[in-house]
Amino acid sequence: MGLHLMLAGATALALLVYLVAVLLRPERF
């Protein structure tokens, strides 16, 4: 279960970073 939670956390973090990047740099996407 720990590995599953870590994988879910990593996925959520990656999506959050991508969303912030899109919001900060809309001209690049």
C-alpha atoms as a PDB file:
ATOM      1  CA  MET A   1       0.000   0.000   0.000  1.00  0.00           C
ATOM      2  CA  GLY A   2       2.907   2.343   0.699  1.00  0.00           C
ATOM      3  CA  LEU A   3       4.180   2.002  -2.868  1.00  0.00           C
ATOM      4  CA  HIS A   4       0.677   2.678  -4.236  1.00  0.00           C
ATOM      5  CA  LEU A   5       0.364   5.832  -2.120  1.00  0.00           C
ATOM      6  CA  MET A   6       3.815   7.026  -3.194  1.00  0.00           C
ATOM      7  CA  LEU A   7       2.952   6.443  -6.865  1.00  0.00           C
ATOM      8  CA  ALA A   8      -0.351   8.317  -6.469  1.00  0.00           C
ATOM      9  CA  GLY A   9       1.451  11.171  -4.707  1.00  0.00           C
ATOM     10  CA  ALA A  10       4.084  11.394  -7.444  1.00  0.00           C
ATOM     11  CA  THR A  11       1.365  11.487 -10.120  1.00  0.00           C
ATOM     12  CA  ALA A  12      -0.551  14.220  -8.283  1.00  0.00           C
ATOM     13  CA  LEU A  13       2.652  16.231  -7.820  1.00  0.00           C
ATOM     14  CA  ALA A  14       3.542  15.916 -11.517  1.00  0.00           C
ATOM     15  CA  LEU A  15       0.042  17.084 -12.522  1.00  0.00           C
ATOM     16  CA  LEU A  16       0.283  20.026 -10.108  1.00  0.00           C
ATOM     17  CA  VAL A  17       3.682  21.081 -11.463  1.00  0.00           C
ATOM     18  CA  TYR A  18       2.378  20.798 -15.046  1.00  0.00           C
ATOM     19  CA  LEU A  19      -0.701  22.877 -14.202  1.00  0.00           C
ATOM     20  CA  VAL A  20       1.430  25.597 -12.577  1.00  0.00           C
ATOM     21  CA  ALA A  21       3.762  25.616 -15.603  1.00  0.00           C
ATOM     22  CA  VAL A  22       0.796  26.047 -17.972  1.00  0.00           C
ATOM     23  CA  LEU A  23      -0.639  28.866 -15.850  1.00  0.00           C
ATOM     24  CA  LEU A  24       2.698  30.676 -15.596  1.00  0.00           C
ATOM     25  CA  ARG A  25       3.766  30.146 -19.219  1.00  0.00           C
ATOM     26  CA  PRO A  26       0.613  29.863 -21.385  1.00  0.00           C
ATOM     27  CA  GLU A  27       2.468  31.015 -24.510  1.00  0.00           C
ATOM     28  CA  ARG A  28       4.653  27.885 -24.462  1.00  0.00           C
ATOM     29  CA  PHE A  29       1.714  25.443 -24.628  1.00  0.00           C
END
